[in-house]
């Protein structure tokens, strides 16, 4: 296993492999994403690599890409696109701005299903969050994926939002070195 931090240009060289890994990683429940979602992901890459603070990591087995992670700096004011409004609702606008703006936002983490359980996901997550400003890194994941929730907890990430137990929304996780970790509300 070889994990390399790469810039946007190098990441884009591997777009076809990333699209394939994305499709394989997110096809199954609870994500249930179809091939069109993988095409949309690949279409966002050229825009995402130009975001301030963009960083990425690729995991290789031999010369083959087996996983990837992408991240960038969350802008201020706090974004209102994608799932950001759910994060702001869960944290409250003031904490979302204070805790997340200027932090390293982990956008995507995907490992080919054949490489799961090998430590690639943990290595990729560490690679894109290690140099986070003042240790401030965060991510969103689906409450529907008990596997993802367990993975992030095992990596030392702190769940900072707690939707209703029957909820189907997203949750915010703060990285292991995020200074606000101890301030995050714990579940009842």
N, C-alpha and C. Protein backbone atom coordinates (compact mmCIF):
# COMPACT_ATOMS: atom_id res chain seq x y z
N UNK A 1 0.85 -1.17 0.00
CA UNK A 1 0.00 0.00 0.00
C UNK A 1 0.90 1.24 0.00
N UNK A 2 0.57 2.16 -0.88
CA UNK A 2 1.33 3.40 -1.02
C UNK A 2 0.33 4.55 -1.06
N UNK A 3 0.41 5.47 -0.10
CA UNK A 3 -0.49 6.63 -0.07
C UNK A 3 0.34 7.86 -0.37
N UNK A 4 -0.12 8.65 -1.34
CA UNK A 4 0.59 9.85 -1.74
C UNK A 4 -0.33 11.06 -1.70
N UNK A 5 0.13 12.13 -1.09
CA UNK A 5 -0.57 13.41 -1.16
C UNK A 5 -0.24 14.00 -2.52
N UNK A 6 -1.27 14.43 -3.24
CA UNK A 6 -1.09 14.93 -4.61
C UNK A 6 -1.75 16.29 -4.76
N UNK A 7 -1.31 17.02 -5.78
CA UNK A 7 -1.96 18.30 -6.11
C UNK A 7 -3.10 18.03 -7.09
N UNK A 8 -3.80 19.09 -7.44
CA UNK A 8 -4.96 18.95 -8.31
C UNK A 8 -4.62 18.40 -9.68
N UNK A 9 -3.52 18.84 -10.25
CA UNK A 9 -3.15 18.38 -11.59
C UNK A 9 -2.91 16.87 -11.60
N UNK A 10 -2.18 16.37 -10.60
CA UNK A 10 -1.93 14.93 -10.55
C UNK A 10 -3.21 14.16 -10.27
N UNK A 11 -4.07 14.70 -9.44
CA UNK A 11 -5.33 14.02 -9.16
C UNK A 11 -6.15 13.87 -10.44
N UNK A 12 -6.22 14.92 -11.23
CA UNK A 12 -7.04 14.89 -12.45
C UNK A 12 -6.54 13.87 -13.46
N UNK A 13 -5.26 13.53 -13.43
CA UNK A 13 -4.72 12.49 -14.32
C UNK A 13 -5.44 11.17 -14.07
N UNK A 14 -5.92 10.97 -12.86
CA UNK A 14 -6.53 9.70 -12.45
C UNK A 14 -8.06 9.78 -12.42
N UNK A 15 -8.66 10.72 -13.11
CA UNK A 15 -10.11 10.93 -13.04
C UNK A 15 -10.91 9.66 -13.35
N UNK A 16 -10.54 8.93 -14.38
CA UNK A 16 -11.30 7.71 -14.74
C UNK A 16 -11.25 6.70 -13.60
N UNK A 17 -10.10 6.50 -12.99
CA UNK A 17 -9.98 5.56 -11.88
C UNK A 17 -10.79 6.05 -10.68
N UNK A 18 -10.76 7.36 -10.40
CA UNK A 18 -11.51 7.91 -9.28
C UNK A 18 -13.01 7.74 -9.49
N UNK A 19 -13.47 7.98 -10.71
CA UNK A 19 -14.89 7.80 -11.03
C UNK A 19 -15.30 6.35 -10.79
N UNK A 20 -14.47 5.41 -11.21
CA UNK A 20 -14.77 3.99 -11.03
C UNK A 20 -14.80 3.61 -9.55
N UNK A 21 -13.83 4.09 -8.77
CA UNK A 21 -13.81 3.79 -7.34
C UNK A 21 -15.01 4.41 -6.65
N UNK A 22 -15.33 5.65 -7.01
CA UNK A 22 -16.50 6.31 -6.44
C UNK A 22 -17.76 5.48 -6.71
N UNK A 23 -17.92 5.05 -7.96
CA UNK A 23 -19.11 4.25 -8.32
C UNK A 23 -19.17 2.97 -7.51
N UNK A 24 -18.05 2.27 -7.37
CA UNK A 24 -18.02 1.01 -6.63
C UNK A 24 -18.24 1.23 -5.13
N UNK A 25 -17.68 2.31 -4.59
CA UNK A 25 -17.77 2.57 -3.15
C UNK A 25 -19.16 3.01 -2.72
N UNK A 26 -19.85 3.76 -3.60
CA UNK A 26 -21.13 4.35 -3.19
C UNK A 26 -22.35 3.73 -3.87
N UNK A 27 -22.17 2.63 -4.57
CA UNK A 27 -23.28 1.95 -5.24
C UNK A 27 -24.19 1.24 -4.23
N UNK A 28 -23.60 0.64 -3.22
CA UNK A 28 -24.35 -0.18 -2.26
C UNK A 28 -25.09 0.69 -1.25
N UNK A 29 -26.08 0.10 -0.57
CA UNK A 29 -26.76 0.81 0.50
C UNK A 29 -25.74 1.19 1.59
N UNK A 30 -25.91 2.26 2.30
CA UNK A 30 -27.07 3.14 2.27
C UNK A 30 -26.97 4.25 1.23
N UNK A 31 -25.85 4.31 0.50
CA UNK A 31 -25.64 5.42 -0.44
C UNK A 31 -26.53 5.28 -1.67
N UNK A 32 -26.58 4.07 -2.26
CA UNK A 32 -27.43 3.78 -3.42
C UNK A 32 -27.23 4.77 -4.58
N UNK A 33 -25.99 5.15 -4.84
CA UNK A 33 -25.73 6.09 -5.91
C UNK A 33 -25.55 5.34 -7.23
N UNK A 34 -26.15 5.88 -8.28
CA UNK A 34 -26.07 5.24 -9.59
C UNK A 34 -24.86 5.76 -10.37
N UNK A 35 -24.67 5.26 -11.57
CA UNK A 35 -23.51 5.64 -12.40
C UNK A 35 -23.50 7.14 -12.68
N UNK A 36 -24.67 7.74 -12.80
CA UNK A 36 -24.75 9.18 -13.07
C UNK A 36 -24.13 10.00 -11.94
N UNK A 37 -24.29 9.55 -10.70
CA UNK A 37 -23.69 10.26 -9.56
C UNK A 37 -22.16 10.21 -9.64
N UNK A 38 -21.61 9.09 -10.11
CA UNK A 38 -20.16 9.00 -10.27
C UNK A 38 -19.68 9.94 -11.38
N UNK A 39 -20.47 10.06 -12.44
CA UNK A 39 -20.13 10.99 -13.51
C UNK A 39 -20.18 12.43 -12.99
N UNK A 40 -21.20 12.75 -12.18
CA UNK A 40 -21.30 14.09 -11.58
C UNK A 40 -20.09 14.37 -10.68
N UNK A 41 -19.70 13.38 -9.87
CA UNK A 41 -18.52 13.54 -9.02
C UNK A 41 -17.29 13.88 -9.87
N UNK A 42 -17.06 13.11 -10.92
CA UNK A 42 -15.90 13.35 -11.80
C UNK A 42 -15.99 14.73 -12.45
N UNK A 43 -17.20 15.17 -12.76
CA UNK A 43 -17.39 16.49 -13.36
C UNK A 43 -17.08 17.63 -12.40
N UNK A 44 -17.23 17.38 -11.08
CA UNK A 44 -16.92 18.41 -10.08
C UNK A 44 -15.42 18.55 -9.81
N UNK A 45 -14.65 17.52 -10.12
CA UNK A 45 -13.23 17.53 -9.77
C UNK A 45 -12.46 18.73 -10.33
N UNK A 46 -12.62 19.08 -11.62
CA UNK A 46 -11.85 20.23 -12.12
C UNK A 46 -12.15 21.54 -11.39
N UNK A 47 -13.36 21.69 -10.88
CA UNK A 47 -13.72 22.88 -10.09
C UNK A 47 -13.14 22.75 -8.68
N UNK A 48 -13.29 21.58 -8.08
CA UNK A 48 -12.84 21.38 -6.70
C UNK A 48 -11.34 21.56 -6.53
N UNK A 49 -10.54 21.14 -7.52
CA UNK A 49 -9.09 21.24 -7.36
C UNK A 49 -8.63 22.69 -7.32
N UNK A 50 -9.49 23.62 -7.71
CA UNK A 50 -9.13 25.04 -7.67
C UNK A 50 -9.59 25.73 -6.39
N UNK A 51 -10.21 24.99 -5.49
CA UNK A 51 -10.66 25.59 -4.23
C UNK A 51 -9.46 25.93 -3.36
N UNK A 52 -9.56 27.01 -2.59
CA UNK A 52 -8.47 27.36 -1.66
C UNK A 52 -8.20 26.21 -0.69
N UNK A 53 -6.93 25.93 -0.50
CA UNK A 53 -6.53 24.89 0.45
C UNK A 53 -6.74 23.47 -0.05
N UNK A 54 -7.03 23.30 -1.35
CA UNK A 54 -7.30 21.95 -1.86
C UNK A 54 -6.12 21.03 -1.60
N UNK A 55 -6.42 19.83 -1.16
CA UNK A 55 -5.44 18.76 -1.03
C UNK A 55 -6.13 17.44 -1.34
N UNK A 56 -5.34 16.48 -1.76
CA UNK A 56 -5.89 15.16 -2.07
C UNK A 56 -4.83 14.11 -1.76
N UNK A 57 -5.31 12.90 -1.58
CA UNK A 57 -4.41 11.77 -1.38
C UNK A 57 -4.93 10.61 -2.22
N UNK A 58 -4.00 9.89 -2.80
CA UNK A 58 -4.32 8.69 -3.58
C UNK A 58 -3.66 7.50 -2.92
N UNK A 59 -4.37 6.39 -2.87
CA UNK A 59 -3.81 5.13 -2.38
C UNK A 59 -3.60 4.22 -3.58
N UNK A 60 -2.42 3.64 -3.65
CA UNK A 60 -2.07 2.76 -4.75
C UNK A 60 -1.77 1.36 -4.23
N UNK A 61 -2.20 0.38 -4.99
CA UNK A 61 -1.72 -0.99 -4.83
C UNK A 61 -1.01 -1.29 -6.14
N UNK A 62 0.29 -1.32 -6.07
CA UNK A 62 1.08 -1.38 -7.30
C UNK A 62 0.91 -0.07 -8.03
N UNK A 63 0.55 -0.13 -9.29
CA UNK A 63 0.32 1.10 -10.06
C UNK A 63 -1.15 1.46 -10.15
N UNK A 64 -2.00 0.67 -9.52
CA UNK A 64 -3.45 0.85 -9.59
C UNK A 64 -3.96 1.70 -8.42
N UNK A 65 -4.81 2.70 -8.71
CA UNK A 65 -5.43 3.51 -7.66
C UNK A 65 -6.49 2.65 -6.96
N UNK A 66 -6.39 2.58 -5.64
CA UNK A 66 -7.33 1.76 -4.86
C UNK A 66 -8.21 2.60 -3.94
N UNK A 67 -7.91 3.90 -3.84
CA UNK A 67 -8.72 4.77 -2.99
C UNK A 67 -8.24 6.20 -3.10
N UNK A 68 -9.06 7.12 -2.59
CA UNK A 68 -8.70 8.53 -2.65
C UNK A 68 -9.44 9.31 -1.57
N UNK A 69 -8.91 10.48 -1.29
CA UNK A 69 -9.57 11.44 -0.39
C UNK A 69 -9.29 12.83 -0.94
N UNK A 70 -10.29 13.70 -0.81
CA UNK A 70 -10.12 15.10 -1.22
C UNK A 70 -10.58 16.01 -0.08
N UNK A 71 -9.97 17.19 -0.01
CA UNK A 71 -10.30 18.14 1.05
C UNK A 71 -9.91 19.54 0.60
N UNK A 72 -10.46 20.53 1.28
CA UNK A 72 -10.12 21.93 1.03
C UNK A 72 -10.48 22.74 2.26
N UNK A 73 -10.18 24.03 2.20
CA UNK A 73 -10.49 24.93 3.31
C UNK A 73 -11.93 25.42 3.18
N UNK A 74 -12.70 25.28 4.25
CA UNK A 74 -14.08 25.76 4.25
C UNK A 74 -14.06 27.28 4.24
N UNK A 75 -14.75 27.89 3.27
CA UNK A 75 -14.73 29.35 3.18
C UNK A 75 -15.61 30.01 4.23
N UNK A 76 -15.43 31.31 4.35
CA UNK A 76 -16.29 32.14 5.18
C UNK A 76 -16.89 33.20 4.28
N UNK A 77 -18.19 33.43 4.33
CA UNK A 77 -19.16 32.83 5.25
C UNK A 77 -19.37 31.35 4.94
N UNK A 78 -19.94 30.65 5.92
CA UNK A 78 -20.18 29.23 5.80
C UNK A 78 -21.04 28.96 4.57
N UNK A 79 -20.67 27.96 3.75
CA UNK A 79 -21.40 27.69 2.51
C UNK A 79 -22.87 27.33 2.74
N UNK A 80 -23.65 27.53 1.71
CA UNK A 80 -25.08 27.20 1.76
C UNK A 80 -25.45 26.20 0.69
N UNK A 81 -24.46 25.54 0.09
CA UNK A 81 -24.74 24.55 -0.95
C UNK A 81 -24.62 23.13 -0.38
N UNK A 82 -24.97 22.16 -1.20
CA UNK A 82 -24.87 20.74 -0.88
C UNK A 82 -25.49 20.45 0.49
N UNK A 83 -24.76 19.81 1.40
CA UNK A 83 -25.30 19.47 2.72
C UNK A 83 -24.91 20.46 3.81
N UNK A 84 -24.26 21.56 3.41
CA UNK A 84 -23.83 22.54 4.41
C UNK A 84 -24.98 23.10 5.24
N UNK A 85 -26.17 23.37 4.65
CA UNK A 85 -27.26 23.87 5.50
C UNK A 85 -27.64 22.91 6.63
N UNK A 86 -27.54 21.60 6.37
CA UNK A 86 -27.84 20.64 7.44
C UNK A 86 -26.79 20.71 8.54
N UNK A 87 -25.53 20.91 8.16
CA UNK A 87 -24.48 21.05 9.17
C UNK A 87 -24.72 22.30 10.02
N UNK A 88 -25.06 23.40 9.36
CA UNK A 88 -25.31 24.65 10.08
C UNK A 88 -26.53 24.52 10.99
N UNK A 89 -27.54 23.80 10.52
CA UNK A 89 -28.73 23.60 11.36
C UNK A 89 -28.39 22.77 12.59
N UNK A 90 -27.56 21.75 12.42
CA UNK A 90 -27.20 20.88 13.54
C UNK A 90 -26.31 21.56 14.56
N UNK A 91 -25.38 22.39 14.09
CA UNK A 91 -24.45 23.06 15.00
C UNK A 91 -24.96 24.42 15.47
N UNK A 92 -25.83 25.01 14.67
CA UNK A 92 -26.21 26.40 14.87
C UNK A 92 -25.27 27.25 14.03
N UNK A 93 -25.78 28.35 13.48
CA UNK A 93 -24.96 29.16 12.57
C UNK A 93 -23.68 29.71 13.18
N UNK A 94 -23.74 30.10 14.45
CA UNK A 94 -22.55 30.68 15.09
C UNK A 94 -21.45 29.64 15.25
N UNK A 95 -21.78 28.45 15.76
CA UNK A 95 -20.77 27.40 15.92
C UNK A 95 -20.29 26.89 14.57
N UNK A 96 -21.18 26.79 13.58
CA UNK A 96 -20.75 26.35 12.25
C UNK A 96 -19.68 27.30 11.72
N UNK A 97 -19.92 28.59 11.84
CA UNK A 97 -18.94 29.57 11.36
C UNK A 97 -17.65 29.51 12.17
N UNK A 98 -17.76 29.46 13.48
CA UNK A 98 -16.58 29.49 14.35
C UNK A 98 -15.77 28.20 14.27
N UNK A 99 -16.44 27.06 14.23
CA UNK A 99 -15.75 25.77 14.25
C UNK A 99 -15.30 25.30 12.87
N UNK A 100 -16.07 25.66 11.83
CA UNK A 100 -15.83 25.04 10.53
C UNK A 100 -15.18 25.95 9.49
N UNK A 101 -15.51 27.24 9.49
CA UNK A 101 -14.89 28.15 8.51
C UNK A 101 -13.39 28.23 8.78
N UNK A 102 -12.61 28.14 7.74
CA UNK A 102 -11.16 28.15 7.87
C UNK A 102 -10.57 26.80 8.22
N UNK A 103 -11.42 25.79 8.42
CA UNK A 103 -10.97 24.44 8.74
C UNK A 103 -10.78 23.62 7.47
N UNK A 104 -10.10 22.49 7.59
CA UNK A 104 -9.94 21.56 6.48
C UNK A 104 -11.20 20.70 6.39
N UNK A 105 -11.93 20.85 5.32
CA UNK A 105 -13.17 20.11 5.08
C UNK A 105 -12.86 18.88 4.23
N UNK A 106 -13.06 17.70 4.80
CA UNK A 106 -12.86 16.47 4.06
C UNK A 106 -14.11 16.27 3.22
N UNK A 107 -13.94 16.32 1.89
CA UNK A 107 -15.10 16.25 1.00
C UNK A 107 -15.43 14.82 0.61
N UNK A 108 -14.46 14.07 0.16
CA UNK A 108 -14.70 12.70 -0.29
C UNK A 108 -13.63 11.78 0.26
N UNK A 109 -14.04 10.59 0.61
CA UNK A 109 -13.15 9.51 1.01
C UNK A 109 -13.76 8.24 0.46
N UNK A 110 -13.04 7.56 -0.42
CA UNK A 110 -13.57 6.35 -1.03
C UNK A 110 -12.45 5.34 -1.22
N UNK A 111 -12.76 4.10 -0.91
CA UNK A 111 -11.82 2.99 -1.08
C UNK A 111 -12.54 1.92 -1.89
N UNK A 112 -11.82 1.36 -2.86
CA UNK A 112 -12.41 0.28 -3.65
C UNK A 112 -12.85 -0.83 -2.70
N UNK A 113 -14.03 -1.42 -2.90
CA UNK A 113 -14.51 -2.46 -1.97
C UNK A 113 -13.51 -3.59 -1.71
N UNK A 114 -12.72 -3.96 -2.71
CA UNK A 114 -11.75 -5.04 -2.52
C UNK A 114 -10.63 -4.65 -1.56
N UNK A 115 -10.43 -3.36 -1.35
CA UNK A 115 -9.35 -2.88 -0.47
C UNK A 115 -9.85 -2.48 0.91
N UNK A 116 -11.13 -2.66 1.19
CA UNK A 116 -11.65 -2.30 2.51
C UNK A 116 -11.05 -3.20 3.58
N UNK A 117 -10.86 -2.62 4.75
CA UNK A 117 -10.32 -3.38 5.86
C UNK A 117 -8.81 -3.50 5.84
N UNK A 118 -8.15 -2.82 4.91
CA UNK A 118 -6.69 -2.90 4.79
C UNK A 118 -5.98 -1.72 5.41
N UNK A 119 -6.72 -0.74 5.91
CA UNK A 119 -6.11 0.46 6.47
C UNK A 119 -5.99 1.60 5.48
N UNK A 120 -6.40 1.38 4.23
CA UNK A 120 -6.32 2.45 3.23
C UNK A 120 -7.16 3.65 3.62
N UNK A 121 -8.38 3.43 4.06
CA UNK A 121 -9.26 4.55 4.43
C UNK A 121 -8.66 5.38 5.54
N UNK A 122 -8.15 4.73 6.57
CA UNK A 122 -7.53 5.44 7.69
C UNK A 122 -6.32 6.22 7.21
N UNK A 123 -5.50 5.62 6.36
CA UNK A 123 -4.32 6.29 5.85
C UNK A 123 -4.67 7.50 4.99
N UNK A 124 -5.69 7.36 4.15
CA UNK A 124 -6.13 8.47 3.31
C UNK A 124 -6.68 9.61 4.16
N UNK A 125 -7.49 9.28 5.15
CA UNK A 125 -8.07 10.30 6.02
C UNK A 125 -6.96 11.06 6.75
N UNK A 126 -5.99 10.36 7.27
CA UNK A 126 -4.87 11.00 7.96
C UNK A 126 -4.07 11.86 6.99
N UNK A 127 -3.87 11.39 5.78
CA UNK A 127 -3.06 12.13 4.80
C UNK A 127 -3.66 13.49 4.47
N UNK A 128 -4.99 13.56 4.35
CA UNK A 128 -5.59 14.85 3.98
C UNK A 128 -5.92 15.72 5.19
N UNK A 129 -5.87 15.16 6.38
CA UNK A 129 -6.19 15.97 7.56
C UNK A 129 -4.97 16.32 8.41
N UNK A 130 -3.86 15.68 8.17
CA UNK A 130 -2.67 15.86 9.02
C UNK A 130 -2.20 17.31 9.08
N UNK A 131 -2.25 18.02 7.99
CA UNK A 131 -1.75 19.40 7.94
C UNK A 131 -2.88 20.43 8.08
N UNK A 132 -3.99 20.03 8.64
CA UNK A 132 -5.11 20.96 8.83
C UNK A 132 -4.67 22.12 9.72
N UNK A 133 -5.09 23.35 9.38
CA UNK A 133 -4.68 24.51 10.17
C UNK A 133 -5.12 24.38 11.63
N UNK A 134 -4.14 24.45 12.53
CA UNK A 134 -4.40 24.34 13.97
C UNK A 134 -5.14 23.06 14.33
N UNK A 135 -4.99 22.01 13.51
CA UNK A 135 -5.65 20.73 13.76
C UNK A 135 -7.13 20.73 13.42
N UNK A 136 -7.62 21.80 12.82
CA UNK A 136 -9.05 21.95 12.56
C UNK A 136 -9.44 21.24 11.26
N UNK A 137 -10.01 20.05 11.40
CA UNK A 137 -10.55 19.32 10.25
C UNK A 137 -11.94 18.82 10.61
N UNK A 138 -12.76 18.66 9.59
CA UNK A 138 -14.13 18.22 9.83
C UNK A 138 -14.66 17.55 8.57
N UNK A 139 -15.78 16.85 8.73
CA UNK A 139 -16.44 16.20 7.60
C UNK A 139 -17.90 15.97 7.92
N UNK A 140 -18.64 15.68 6.86
CA UNK A 140 -20.05 15.28 6.96
C UNK A 140 -20.15 13.84 6.49
N UNK A 141 -21.02 13.09 7.12
CA UNK A 141 -21.34 11.76 6.61
C UNK A 141 -22.80 11.48 6.90
N UNK A 142 -23.29 10.44 6.29
CA UNK A 142 -24.70 10.10 6.44
C UNK A 142 -24.96 9.34 7.73
N UNK A 143 -26.00 9.72 8.40
CA UNK A 143 -26.45 9.02 9.59
C UNK A 143 -26.88 7.59 9.25
N UNK A 144 -27.24 7.35 7.99
CA UNK A 144 -27.70 6.03 7.56
C UNK A 144 -26.58 5.01 7.45
N UNK A 145 -25.32 5.45 7.46
CA UNK A 145 -24.22 4.51 7.31
C UNK A 145 -23.55 4.22 8.65
N UNK A 146 -24.00 3.18 9.30
CA UNK A 146 -23.39 2.81 10.57
C UNK A 146 -21.92 2.44 10.38
N UNK A 147 -21.59 1.92 9.22
CA UNK A 147 -20.20 1.57 8.92
C UNK A 147 -19.31 2.83 8.90
N UNK A 148 -19.79 3.89 8.23
CA UNK A 148 -19.02 5.14 8.18
C UNK A 148 -18.92 5.76 9.57
N UNK A 149 -20.03 5.78 10.31
CA UNK A 149 -20.02 6.35 11.66
C UNK A 149 -19.00 5.63 12.54
N UNK A 150 -19.00 4.31 12.49
CA UNK A 150 -18.06 3.52 13.29
C UNK A 150 -16.63 3.76 12.86
N UNK A 151 -16.39 3.84 11.55
CA UNK A 151 -15.05 4.08 11.03
C UNK A 151 -14.49 5.40 11.57
N UNK A 152 -15.25 6.48 11.45
CA UNK A 152 -14.75 7.78 11.90
C UNK A 152 -14.51 7.80 13.41
N UNK A 153 -15.38 7.17 14.16
CA UNK A 153 -15.16 7.10 15.61
C UNK A 153 -13.87 6.34 15.93
N UNK A 154 -13.63 5.23 15.23
CA UNK A 154 -12.40 4.46 15.47
C UNK A 154 -11.16 5.26 15.12
N UNK A 155 -11.28 6.22 14.22
CA UNK A 155 -10.14 7.05 13.84
C UNK A 155 -9.95 8.23 14.80
N UNK A 156 -10.80 8.31 15.83
CA UNK A 156 -10.67 9.37 16.83
C UNK A 156 -11.44 10.64 16.51
N UNK A 157 -12.33 10.57 15.53
CA UNK A 157 -13.15 11.73 15.18
C UNK A 157 -14.34 11.80 16.14
N UNK A 158 -14.80 13.02 16.42
CA UNK A 158 -15.89 13.25 17.37
C UNK A 158 -17.15 13.68 16.63
N UNK A 159 -18.24 12.96 16.86
CA UNK A 159 -19.52 13.34 16.26
C UNK A 159 -20.03 14.58 16.98
N UNK A 160 -20.25 15.66 16.21
CA UNK A 160 -20.62 16.94 16.82
C UNK A 160 -22.09 17.28 16.66
N UNK A 161 -22.81 16.57 15.82
CA UNK A 161 -24.26 16.78 15.69
C UNK A 161 -24.95 15.43 15.87
N UNK A 162 -26.16 15.48 16.39
CA UNK A 162 -26.88 14.25 16.73
C UNK A 162 -28.34 14.37 16.32
N UNK A 163 -28.64 14.08 15.05
CA UNK A 163 -30.04 14.10 14.61
C UNK A 163 -30.84 13.06 15.36
N UNK A 164 -32.14 13.13 15.21
CA UNK A 164 -33.01 12.17 15.90
C UNK A 164 -32.60 10.75 15.52
N UNK A 165 -32.80 9.79 16.43
CA UNK A 165 -32.38 8.42 16.18
C UNK A 165 -32.94 7.84 14.88
N UNK A 166 -34.13 8.21 14.51
CA UNK A 166 -34.71 7.72 13.27
C UNK A 166 -34.38 8.59 12.07
N UNK A 167 -33.54 9.60 12.28
CA UNK A 167 -33.22 10.54 11.22
C UNK A 167 -32.45 9.92 10.08
N UNK A 168 -32.49 10.62 8.94
CA UNK A 168 -31.80 10.12 7.76
C UNK A 168 -30.84 11.18 7.21
N UNK A 169 -30.51 12.16 8.01
CA UNK A 169 -29.70 13.27 7.55
C UNK A 169 -28.21 13.02 7.68
N UNK A 170 -27.48 14.12 7.71
CA UNK A 170 -26.03 14.06 7.82
C UNK A 170 -25.60 14.45 9.22
N UNK A 171 -24.40 14.02 9.56
CA UNK A 171 -23.81 14.38 10.84
C UNK A 171 -22.44 15.00 10.59
N UNK A 172 -22.06 15.91 11.47
CA UNK A 172 -20.76 16.56 11.42
C UNK A 172 -19.82 15.82 12.37
N UNK A 173 -18.61 15.53 11.89
CA UNK A 173 -17.56 14.98 12.71
C UNK A 173 -16.42 15.98 12.75
N UNK A 174 -15.83 16.17 13.92
CA UNK A 174 -14.65 17.01 14.10
C UNK A 174 -13.43 16.10 14.22
N UNK A 175 -12.34 16.49 13.56
CA UNK A 175 -11.12 15.70 13.56
C UNK A 175 -10.50 15.54 14.94
N UNK A 176 -9.61 14.58 15.08
CA UNK A 176 -9.01 14.27 16.37
C UNK A 176 -8.22 15.41 17.02
N UNK A 177 -7.78 16.38 16.23
CA UNK A 177 -7.01 17.50 16.78
C UNK A 177 -7.78 18.82 16.73
N UNK A 178 -9.07 18.74 16.40
CA UNK A 178 -9.88 19.96 16.31
C UNK A 178 -10.05 20.54 17.71
N UNK A 179 -9.76 21.83 17.90
CA UNK A 179 -9.85 22.41 19.26
C UNK A 179 -11.26 22.45 19.85
N UNK A 180 -12.30 22.32 19.03
CA UNK A 180 -13.67 22.37 19.55
C UNK A 180 -14.22 20.99 19.91
N UNK A 181 -13.42 19.96 19.75
CA UNK A 181 -13.92 18.59 20.05
C UNK A 181 -14.56 18.48 21.41
N UNK A 182 -13.92 19.05 22.41
CA UNK A 182 -14.44 18.91 23.77
C UNK A 182 -15.71 19.71 23.99
N UNK A 183 -16.02 20.62 23.07
CA UNK A 183 -17.22 21.45 23.19
C UNK A 183 -18.43 20.82 22.51
N UNK A 184 -18.20 19.78 21.71
CA UNK A 184 -19.29 19.15 20.97
C UNK A 184 -20.24 18.44 21.93
N UNK A 185 -21.53 18.63 21.68
CA UNK A 185 -22.54 17.98 22.51
C UNK A 185 -22.46 16.47 22.32
N UNK A 186 -22.48 15.75 23.43
CA UNK A 186 -22.46 14.30 23.38
C UNK A 186 -23.89 13.76 23.36
N UNK A 187 -24.08 12.59 22.76
CA UNK A 187 -25.45 12.04 22.71
C UNK A 187 -25.95 11.70 24.11
N UNK A 188 -27.27 11.67 24.24
CA UNK A 188 -27.87 11.35 25.54
C UNK A 188 -27.68 9.88 25.87
